[in-house]
């Protein structure tokens, strides 16, 4: 009698674990792939220094050095991800107005021939990080500021959402 109880309990546990194992695989596999992709992309990340400009109705970046494989030498298109465009585009425009020099970290991406103009750049720079050239590329831990719900920023109200 006891062995049938143990077998039944064991089967119940297995019945619970099997679907969880599938669900866990479905959750962990994309996370592992995303982590690997991010690691792979970081191998290609580069720092470039220069000045954002607004030319021919497009935001561009005039780098200090020519970009290998680019039809226009040191002039590349500026790009961003969907998550960063609302922050980067206004920052680029303001920097272009003030003729500020910036240091950008990101990925140089070739523009397909079907999407580029004859005289335009053949490379786009997708920005991941941005700072002034006078700032270090890697900020020391003692100088980092984490902005949280209790942070006070002059002129802005930080809202706590439930």
N, C-alpha and C. Protein backbone atom coordinates (compact mmCIF):
# COMPACT_ATOMS: atom_id res chain seq x y z
N UNK A 1 0.82 -1.18 0.00
CA UNK A 1 0.00 0.00 0.00
C UNK A 1 0.87 1.26 0.00
N UNK A 2 1.90 1.25 0.82
CA UNK A 2 2.79 2.40 0.92
C UNK A 2 3.50 2.64 -0.40
N UNK A 3 3.93 1.62 -1.10
CA UNK A 3 4.66 1.78 -2.36
C UNK A 3 3.76 2.39 -3.43
N UNK A 4 2.48 2.07 -3.44
CA UNK A 4 1.59 2.68 -4.43
C UNK A 4 1.38 4.16 -4.11
N UNK A 5 1.36 4.53 -2.82
CA UNK A 5 1.23 5.92 -2.42
C UNK A 5 2.46 6.71 -2.87
N UNK A 6 3.66 6.13 -2.69
CA UNK A 6 4.91 6.78 -3.09
C UNK A 6 4.94 6.92 -4.60
N UNK A 7 4.54 5.88 -5.31
CA UNK A 7 4.53 5.92 -6.77
C UNK A 7 3.55 6.98 -7.27
N UNK A 8 2.39 7.07 -6.65
CA UNK A 8 1.39 8.06 -7.05
C UNK A 8 1.91 9.47 -6.79
N UNK A 9 2.51 9.68 -5.63
CA UNK A 9 3.08 10.98 -5.29
C UNK A 9 4.19 11.35 -6.27
N UNK A 10 5.04 10.38 -6.56
CA UNK A 10 6.13 10.61 -7.50
C UNK A 10 5.59 10.98 -8.88
N UNK A 11 4.57 10.29 -9.34
CA UNK A 11 3.96 10.59 -10.64
C UNK A 11 3.32 11.98 -10.65
N UNK A 12 2.70 12.36 -9.53
CA UNK A 12 2.13 13.71 -9.44
C UNK A 12 3.22 14.78 -9.54
N UNK A 13 4.33 14.53 -8.87
CA UNK A 13 5.45 15.48 -8.93
C UNK A 13 5.99 15.57 -10.36
N UNK A 14 6.14 14.41 -11.00
CA UNK A 14 6.61 14.41 -12.39
C UNK A 14 5.64 15.15 -13.30
N UNK A 15 4.35 14.96 -13.08
CA UNK A 15 3.35 15.64 -13.89
C UNK A 15 3.43 17.16 -13.71
N UNK A 16 3.80 17.61 -12.52
CA UNK A 16 3.96 19.04 -12.27
C UNK A 16 5.26 19.58 -12.85
N UNK A 17 6.32 18.79 -12.79
CA UNK A 17 7.64 19.24 -13.22
C UNK A 17 7.76 19.30 -14.73
N UNK A 18 7.16 18.36 -15.44
CA UNK A 18 7.30 18.32 -16.91
C UNK A 18 6.85 19.63 -17.57
N UNK A 19 5.63 20.13 -17.27
CA UNK A 19 5.24 21.40 -17.90
C UNK A 19 6.14 22.57 -17.46
N UNK A 20 6.57 22.56 -16.20
CA UNK A 20 7.44 23.63 -15.72
C UNK A 20 8.78 23.58 -16.44
N UNK A 21 9.25 22.37 -16.72
CA UNK A 21 10.53 22.22 -17.42
C UNK A 21 10.42 22.82 -18.82
N UNK A 22 9.30 22.57 -19.49
CA UNK A 22 9.08 23.14 -20.81
C UNK A 22 9.00 24.67 -20.73
N UNK A 23 8.24 25.15 -19.74
CA UNK A 23 8.10 26.60 -19.58
C UNK A 23 9.44 27.25 -19.24
N UNK A 24 10.20 26.59 -18.38
CA UNK A 24 11.51 27.11 -18.00
C UNK A 24 12.42 27.18 -19.22
N UNK A 25 12.36 26.15 -20.06
CA UNK A 25 13.16 26.15 -21.28
C UNK A 25 12.73 27.29 -22.19
N UNK A 26 11.43 27.51 -22.32
CA UNK A 26 10.93 28.59 -23.17
C UNK A 26 11.32 29.97 -22.64
N UNK A 27 11.49 30.07 -21.33
CA UNK A 27 11.88 31.35 -20.73
C UNK A 27 13.39 31.54 -20.80
N UNK A 28 14.16 30.52 -20.44
CA UNK A 28 15.61 30.66 -20.34
C UNK A 28 16.31 30.68 -21.69
N UNK A 29 15.79 29.97 -22.67
CA UNK A 29 16.46 29.92 -23.97
C UNK A 29 16.54 31.31 -24.62
N UNK A 30 15.44 32.06 -24.71
CA UNK A 30 15.57 33.41 -25.29
C UNK A 30 16.50 34.32 -24.49
N UNK A 31 16.50 34.17 -23.16
CA UNK A 31 17.40 34.99 -22.34
C UNK A 31 18.85 34.66 -22.64
N UNK A 32 19.16 33.38 -22.78
CA UNK A 32 20.52 32.96 -23.10
C UNK A 32 20.93 33.46 -24.48
N UNK A 33 20.02 33.38 -25.43
CA UNK A 33 20.31 33.86 -26.79
C UNK A 33 20.54 35.37 -26.79
N UNK A 34 19.70 36.10 -26.07
CA UNK A 34 19.85 37.57 -26.00
C UNK A 34 21.17 37.95 -25.34
N UNK A 35 21.55 37.25 -24.27
CA UNK A 35 22.81 37.54 -23.59
C UNK A 35 23.98 37.26 -24.52
N UNK A 36 23.91 36.18 -25.27
CA UNK A 36 24.98 35.84 -26.22
C UNK A 36 25.05 36.88 -27.33
N UNK A 37 23.90 37.31 -27.83
CA UNK A 37 23.88 38.31 -28.90
C UNK A 37 24.47 39.63 -28.41
N UNK A 38 24.12 40.04 -27.19
CA UNK A 38 24.66 41.28 -26.63
C UNK A 38 26.17 41.17 -26.48
N UNK A 39 26.64 40.02 -26.05
CA UNK A 39 28.08 39.80 -25.89
C UNK A 39 28.77 39.86 -27.25
N UNK A 40 28.15 39.24 -28.26
CA UNK A 40 28.72 39.25 -29.60
C UNK A 40 28.77 40.67 -30.16
N UNK A 41 27.69 41.46 -29.98
CA UNK A 41 27.65 42.82 -30.49
C UNK A 41 28.68 43.71 -29.80
N UNK A 42 28.92 43.48 -28.50
CA UNK A 42 29.87 44.32 -27.78
C UNK A 42 31.28 44.16 -28.33
N UNK A 43 31.58 43.06 -29.00
CA UNK A 43 32.90 42.86 -29.62
C UNK A 43 33.12 43.86 -30.74
N UNK A 44 32.03 44.34 -31.36
CA UNK A 44 32.13 45.23 -32.50
C UNK A 44 31.92 46.69 -32.13
N UNK A 45 31.64 46.98 -30.87
CA UNK A 45 31.42 48.35 -30.44
C UNK A 45 32.70 49.16 -30.55
N UNK A 46 32.56 50.42 -30.98
CA UNK A 46 33.70 51.32 -31.14
C UNK A 46 33.37 52.68 -30.55
N UNK A 47 34.40 53.39 -30.13
CA UNK A 47 34.27 54.77 -29.70
C UNK A 47 34.66 55.66 -30.87
N UNK A 48 33.87 56.70 -31.14
CA UNK A 48 34.26 57.71 -32.13
C UNK A 48 34.03 59.09 -31.52
N UNK A 49 34.88 60.02 -31.90
CA UNK A 49 34.79 61.40 -31.41
C UNK A 49 34.56 62.31 -32.60
N UNK A 50 33.73 63.32 -32.41
CA UNK A 50 33.47 64.26 -33.49
C UNK A 50 32.33 65.19 -33.14
N UNK A 51 31.62 65.62 -34.20
CA UNK A 51 30.59 66.64 -34.03
C UNK A 51 29.32 66.26 -34.79
N UNK A 52 28.18 66.26 -34.11
CA UNK A 52 26.93 66.03 -34.84
C UNK A 52 26.60 67.26 -35.68
N UNK A 53 26.09 67.03 -36.89
CA UNK A 53 25.71 68.13 -37.77
C UNK A 53 24.37 67.81 -38.39
N UNK A 54 23.67 68.86 -38.80
CA UNK A 54 22.40 68.69 -39.50
C UNK A 54 22.66 69.15 -40.93
N UNK A 55 22.63 68.19 -41.86
CA UNK A 55 22.97 68.48 -43.25
C UNK A 55 22.00 67.79 -44.18
N UNK A 56 21.50 68.51 -45.17
CA UNK A 56 20.56 67.95 -46.16
C UNK A 56 19.35 67.29 -45.48
N UNK A 57 18.87 67.89 -44.40
CA UNK A 57 17.70 67.37 -43.72
C UNK A 57 17.94 66.12 -42.90
N UNK A 58 19.21 65.77 -42.67
CA UNK A 58 19.52 64.56 -41.89
C UNK A 58 20.54 64.87 -40.81
N UNK A 59 20.39 64.18 -39.68
CA UNK A 59 21.40 64.26 -38.63
C UNK A 59 22.56 63.37 -39.01
N UNK A 60 23.76 63.93 -38.99
CA UNK A 60 24.96 63.18 -39.32
C UNK A 60 26.01 63.45 -38.26
N UNK A 61 27.10 62.71 -38.36
CA UNK A 61 28.19 62.85 -37.40
C UNK A 61 29.49 62.95 -38.18
N UNK A 62 30.23 64.04 -37.96
CA UNK A 62 31.53 64.21 -38.59
C UNK A 62 32.60 63.73 -37.60
N UNK A 63 33.10 62.54 -37.84
CA UNK A 63 34.10 61.94 -36.96
C UNK A 63 35.47 62.58 -37.19
N UNK A 64 36.33 62.50 -36.19
CA UNK A 64 37.68 63.04 -36.30
C UNK A 64 38.51 62.27 -37.33
N UNK A 65 38.22 60.97 -37.47
CA UNK A 65 38.99 60.12 -38.38
C UNK A 65 38.05 59.50 -39.40
N UNK A 66 38.57 59.21 -40.59
CA UNK A 66 37.73 58.54 -41.61
C UNK A 66 37.26 57.17 -41.12
N UNK A 67 36.05 56.79 -41.51
CA UNK A 67 35.48 55.50 -41.15
C UNK A 67 35.72 54.53 -42.31
N UNK A 68 36.38 53.43 -42.00
CA UNK A 68 36.72 52.46 -43.03
C UNK A 68 35.47 51.93 -43.74
N UNK A 69 35.50 51.92 -45.06
CA UNK A 69 34.39 51.39 -45.85
C UNK A 69 33.26 52.38 -46.07
N UNK A 70 33.44 53.62 -45.61
CA UNK A 70 32.39 54.63 -45.75
C UNK A 70 32.65 55.48 -46.98
N UNK A 71 31.65 55.67 -47.81
CA UNK A 71 31.78 56.42 -49.07
C UNK A 71 32.12 57.89 -48.84
N UNK A 72 31.75 58.44 -47.69
CA UNK A 72 31.98 59.86 -47.42
C UNK A 72 33.09 60.09 -46.39
N UNK A 73 33.93 59.12 -46.20
CA UNK A 73 35.07 59.28 -45.29
C UNK A 73 34.67 59.36 -43.84
N UNK A 74 34.75 60.57 -43.27
CA UNK A 74 34.48 60.71 -41.84
C UNK A 74 33.05 61.14 -41.52
N UNK A 75 32.18 61.26 -42.52
CA UNK A 75 30.80 61.69 -42.31
C UNK A 75 29.87 60.48 -42.35
N UNK A 76 29.22 60.17 -41.20
CA UNK A 76 28.32 59.02 -41.11
C UNK A 76 26.94 59.49 -40.67
N UNK A 77 25.92 58.69 -41.02
CA UNK A 77 24.57 58.97 -40.52
C UNK A 77 24.50 58.59 -39.05
N UNK A 78 23.67 59.29 -38.29
CA UNK A 78 23.46 58.94 -36.88
C UNK A 78 22.21 58.07 -36.76
N UNK A 79 22.32 57.02 -35.99
CA UNK A 79 21.19 56.13 -35.77
C UNK A 79 21.01 55.88 -34.28
N UNK A 80 19.90 55.27 -33.96
CA UNK A 80 19.59 54.94 -32.57
C UNK A 80 18.66 53.74 -32.56
N UNK A 81 18.46 53.17 -31.41
CA UNK A 81 17.50 52.09 -31.26
C UNK A 81 16.14 52.70 -30.94
N UNK A 82 15.09 51.92 -31.05
CA UNK A 82 13.75 52.42 -30.73
C UNK A 82 13.67 52.89 -29.28
N UNK A 83 14.43 52.25 -28.39
CA UNK A 83 14.38 52.60 -26.98
C UNK A 83 15.13 53.90 -26.68
N UNK A 84 16.08 54.29 -27.53
CA UNK A 84 16.90 55.46 -27.21
C UNK A 84 16.65 56.67 -28.10
N UNK A 85 15.86 56.53 -29.15
CA UNK A 85 15.67 57.62 -30.11
C UNK A 85 15.10 58.88 -29.46
N UNK A 86 14.19 58.74 -28.49
CA UNK A 86 13.56 59.92 -27.87
C UNK A 86 14.53 60.70 -27.00
N UNK A 87 15.61 60.09 -26.59
CA UNK A 87 16.63 60.79 -25.80
C UNK A 87 17.76 61.27 -26.71
N UNK A 88 18.20 60.39 -27.62
CA UNK A 88 19.36 60.74 -28.45
C UNK A 88 19.08 61.81 -29.49
N UNK A 89 17.95 61.74 -30.18
CA UNK A 89 17.68 62.71 -31.25
C UNK A 89 17.68 64.15 -30.73
N UNK A 90 16.97 64.48 -29.64
CA UNK A 90 17.04 65.86 -29.13
C UNK A 90 18.45 66.23 -28.65
N UNK A 91 19.16 65.26 -28.07
CA UNK A 91 20.53 65.54 -27.62
C UNK A 91 21.44 65.84 -28.81
N UNK A 92 21.32 65.06 -29.87
CA UNK A 92 22.11 65.30 -31.09
C UNK A 92 21.79 66.66 -31.67
N UNK A 93 20.49 67.00 -31.76
CA UNK A 93 20.09 68.28 -32.35
C UNK A 93 20.64 69.46 -31.55
N UNK A 94 20.54 69.37 -30.23
CA UNK A 94 21.05 70.43 -29.37
C UNK A 94 22.58 70.56 -29.53
N UNK A 95 23.26 69.41 -29.59
CA UNK A 95 24.72 69.42 -29.76
C UNK A 95 25.08 70.00 -31.13
N UNK A 96 24.30 69.70 -32.17
CA UNK A 96 24.57 70.25 -33.50
C UNK A 96 24.37 71.77 -33.51
N UNK A 97 23.31 72.25 -32.83
CA UNK A 97 23.06 73.69 -32.74
C UNK A 97 24.22 74.41 -32.06
N UNK A 98 24.74 73.81 -31.01
CA UNK A 98 25.82 74.43 -30.22
C UNK A 98 27.21 74.08 -30.75
N UNK A 99 27.25 73.26 -31.82
CA UNK A 99 28.53 72.82 -32.39
C UNK A 99 29.42 72.15 -31.34
N UNK A 100 28.80 71.28 -30.58
CA UNK A 100 29.51 70.57 -29.50
C UNK A 100 30.21 69.33 -30.05
N UNK A 101 31.33 69.03 -29.47
CA UNK A 101 32.02 67.78 -29.79
C UNK A 101 31.53 66.72 -28.81
N UNK A 102 31.32 65.51 -29.32
CA UNK A 102 30.84 64.40 -28.50
C UNK A 102 31.72 63.18 -28.72
N UNK A 103 31.66 62.30 -27.77
CA UNK A 103 32.32 61.00 -27.88
C UNK A 103 31.21 59.96 -27.80
N UNK A 104 31.08 59.14 -28.85
CA UNK A 104 30.00 58.17 -28.96
C UNK A 104 30.55 56.75 -28.96
N UNK A 105 29.81 55.85 -28.33
CA UNK A 105 30.15 54.42 -28.37
C UNK A 105 28.98 53.70 -28.99
N UNK A 106 29.27 52.83 -29.92
CA UNK A 106 28.19 52.10 -30.57
C UNK A 106 28.69 51.22 -31.69
N UNK A 107 27.83 51.05 -32.66
CA UNK A 107 28.07 50.08 -33.73
C UNK A 107 28.01 50.78 -35.08
N UNK A 108 29.03 50.57 -35.91
CA UNK A 108 29.03 51.07 -37.29
C UNK A 108 28.34 50.03 -38.15
N UNK A 109 27.25 50.44 -38.80
CA UNK A 109 26.43 49.51 -39.58
C UNK A 109 26.40 49.96 -41.04
N UNK A 110 26.74 49.06 -41.98
CA UNK A 110 26.65 49.45 -43.40
C UNK A 110 25.20 49.68 -43.80
N UNK A 111 24.98 50.69 -44.63
CA UNK A 111 23.64 50.99 -45.14
C UNK A 111 23.48 50.26 -46.46
N UNK A 112 22.42 49.47 -46.61
CA UNK A 112 22.22 48.77 -47.88
C UNK A 112 22.11 49.76 -49.05
N UNK A 113 22.65 49.38 -50.20
CA UNK A 113 22.64 50.26 -51.37
C UNK A 113 21.24 50.74 -51.72
N UNK A 114 20.24 49.90 -51.51
CA UNK A 114 18.86 50.26 -51.86
C UNK A 114 18.31 51.37 -50.96
N UNK A 115 18.95 51.63 -49.80
CA UNK A 115 18.44 52.62 -48.86
C UNK A 115 19.29 53.89 -48.78
N UNK A 116 20.37 53.94 -49.53
CA UNK A 116 21.24 55.11 -49.41
C UNK A 116 21.21 55.94 -50.67
N UNK A 117 21.51 57.23 -50.49
CA UNK A 117 21.56 58.13 -51.65
C UNK A 117 22.93 57.99 -52.32
N UNK A 118 23.02 58.44 -53.55
CA UNK A 118 24.26 58.30 -54.31
C UNK A 118 25.44 59.03 -53.67
N UNK A 119 25.17 60.20 -53.11
CA UNK A 119 26.25 61.02 -52.55
C UNK A 119 26.36 60.93 -51.04
N UNK A 120 25.46 60.17 -50.41
CA UNK A 120 25.43 60.11 -48.96
C UNK A 120 26.36 59.07 -48.37
N UNK A 121 26.45 59.07 -47.03
CA UNK A 121 27.29 58.08 -46.34
C UNK A 121 26.79 56.65 -46.59
N UNK A 122 27.71 55.72 -46.53
CA UNK A 122 27.36 54.30 -46.69
C UNK A 122 27.39 53.57 -45.36
N UNK A 123 27.60 54.33 -44.26
CA UNK A 123 27.66 53.75 -42.92
C UNK A 123 26.80 54.58 -41.98
N UNK A 124 26.13 53.89 -41.07
CA UNK A 124 25.33 54.53 -40.02
C UNK A 124 25.93 54.14 -38.67
N UNK A 125 25.97 55.10 -37.75
CA UNK A 125 26.49 54.81 -36.41
C UNK A 125 25.32 54.74 -35.44
N UNK A 126 25.07 53.56 -34.88
CA UNK A 126 24.01 53.35 -33.90
C UNK A 126 24.63 53.52 -32.51
N UNK A 127 24.18 54.54 -31.80
CA UNK A 127 24.80 54.93 -30.53
C UNK A 127 24.25 54.13 -29.35
N UNK A 128 25.16 53.66 -28.51
CA UNK A 128 24.80 52.99 -27.26
C UNK A 128 25.12 53.87 -26.05
N UNK A 129 26.20 54.65 -26.14
CA UNK A 129 26.61 55.55 -25.05
C UNK A 129 27.06 56.87 -25.66
N UNK A 130 26.99 57.93 -24.87
CA UNK A 130 27.41 59.25 -25.34
C UNK A 130 27.92 60.06 -24.16
N UNK A 131 29.01 60.79 -24.38
CA UNK A 131 29.50 61.72 -23.37
C UNK A 131 30.40 62.76 -24.03
N UNK A 132 30.83 63.73 -23.26
CA UNK A 132 31.75 64.74 -23.78
C UNK A 132 33.14 64.14 -23.90
N UNK A 133 33.94 64.60 -24.84
CA UNK A 133 35.29 64.05 -25.01
C UNK A 133 36.17 64.21 -23.77
N UNK A 134 35.87 65.20 -22.94
CA UNK A 134 36.68 65.42 -21.74
C UNK A 134 36.38 64.41 -20.63
N UNK A 135 35.26 63.70 -20.73
CA UNK A 135 34.89 62.69 -19.72
C UNK A 135 35.55 61.36 -20.05
N UNK A 136 35.83 60.54 -19.03
CA UNK A 136 36.43 59.22 -19.30
C UNK A 136 35.41 58.28 -19.94
N UNK A 137 35.91 57.34 -20.76
CA UNK A 137 35.02 56.36 -21.40
C UNK A 137 34.35 55.46 -20.38
N UNK A 138 35.07 55.07 -19.36
CA UNK A 138 34.51 54.25 -18.28
C UNK A 138 34.49 55.09 -17.02
N UNK A 139 33.31 55.39 -16.53
CA UNK A 139 33.15 56.23 -15.35
C UNK A 139 33.48 55.45 -14.09
N UNK A 140 34.36 55.98 -13.24
CA UNK A 140 34.67 55.30 -11.98
C UNK A 140 33.41 55.16 -11.11
N UNK A 141 33.34 54.08 -10.35
CA UNK A 141 32.16 53.79 -9.52
C UNK A 141 31.84 54.95 -8.58
N UNK A 142 32.84 55.62 -8.06
CA UNK A 142 32.61 56.73 -7.10
C UNK A 142 31.92 57.93 -7.75
N UNK A 143 32.01 58.04 -9.08
CA UNK A 143 31.41 59.17 -9.79
C UNK A 143 30.05 58.85 -10.40
N UNK A 144 29.59 57.62 -10.30
CA UNK A 144 28.31 57.23 -10.88
C UNK A 144 27.16 57.66 -9.99
N UNK A 145 26.12 58.14 -10.61
CA UNK A 145 24.91 58.53 -9.88
C UNK A 145 23.76 57.68 -10.42
N UNK A 146 23.08 57.00 -9.54
CA UNK A 146 21.93 56.20 -9.93
C UNK A 146 20.68 57.01 -9.65
N UNK A 147 19.86 57.20 -10.67
CA UNK A 147 18.64 58.00 -10.52
C UNK A 147 17.50 57.06 -10.19
N UNK A 148 16.90 57.28 -9.05
CA UNK A 148 15.80 56.44 -8.59
C UNK A 148 14.59 57.27 -8.21
N UNK A 149 13.57 56.63 -7.66
CA UNK A 149 12.34 57.34 -7.32
C UNK A 149 12.51 58.41 -6.24
N UNK A 150 13.57 58.31 -5.45
CA UNK A 150 13.79 59.30 -4.39
C UNK A 150 14.76 60.40 -4.82
N UNK A 151 15.22 60.37 -6.06
CA UNK A 151 16.16 61.36 -6.57
C UNK A 151 15.47 62.71 -6.73
N UNK A 152 16.21 63.75 -6.48
CA UNK A 152 15.72 65.12 -6.66
C UNK A 152 16.48 65.73 -7.82
N UNK A 153 15.77 66.07 -8.89
CA UNK A 153 16.37 66.69 -10.07
C UNK A 153 15.74 68.06 -10.22
N UNK A 154 16.54 69.13 -10.16
CA UNK A 154 15.97 70.48 -10.25
C UNK A 154 15.17 70.66 -11.54
N UNK A 155 13.93 71.12 -11.40
CA UNK A 155 13.08 71.38 -12.55
C UNK A 155 12.26 70.18 -13.02
N UNK A 156 12.46 69.02 -12.41
CA UNK A 156 11.74 67.82 -12.81
C UNK A 156 11.14 67.12 -11.60
N UNK A 157 9.98 66.51 -11.81
CA UNK A 157 9.36 65.73 -10.77
C UNK A 157 9.45 64.26 -11.16
N UNK A 158 10.00 63.45 -10.29
CA UNK A 158 10.10 62.03 -10.54
C UNK A 158 8.88 61.39 -9.91
N UNK A 159 8.07 60.73 -10.75
CA UNK A 159 6.82 60.13 -10.25
C UNK A 159 7.05 58.68 -9.88
N UNK A 160 6.40 58.29 -8.78
CA UNK A 160 6.41 56.87 -8.37
C UNK A 160 5.10 56.27 -8.85
N UNK A 161 5.21 55.27 -9.72
CA UNK A 161 4.01 54.59 -10.22
C UNK A 161 3.85 53.29 -9.48
N UNK A 162 2.59 52.96 -9.11
CA UNK A 162 2.38 51.71 -8.35
C UNK A 162 2.62 50.48 -9.20
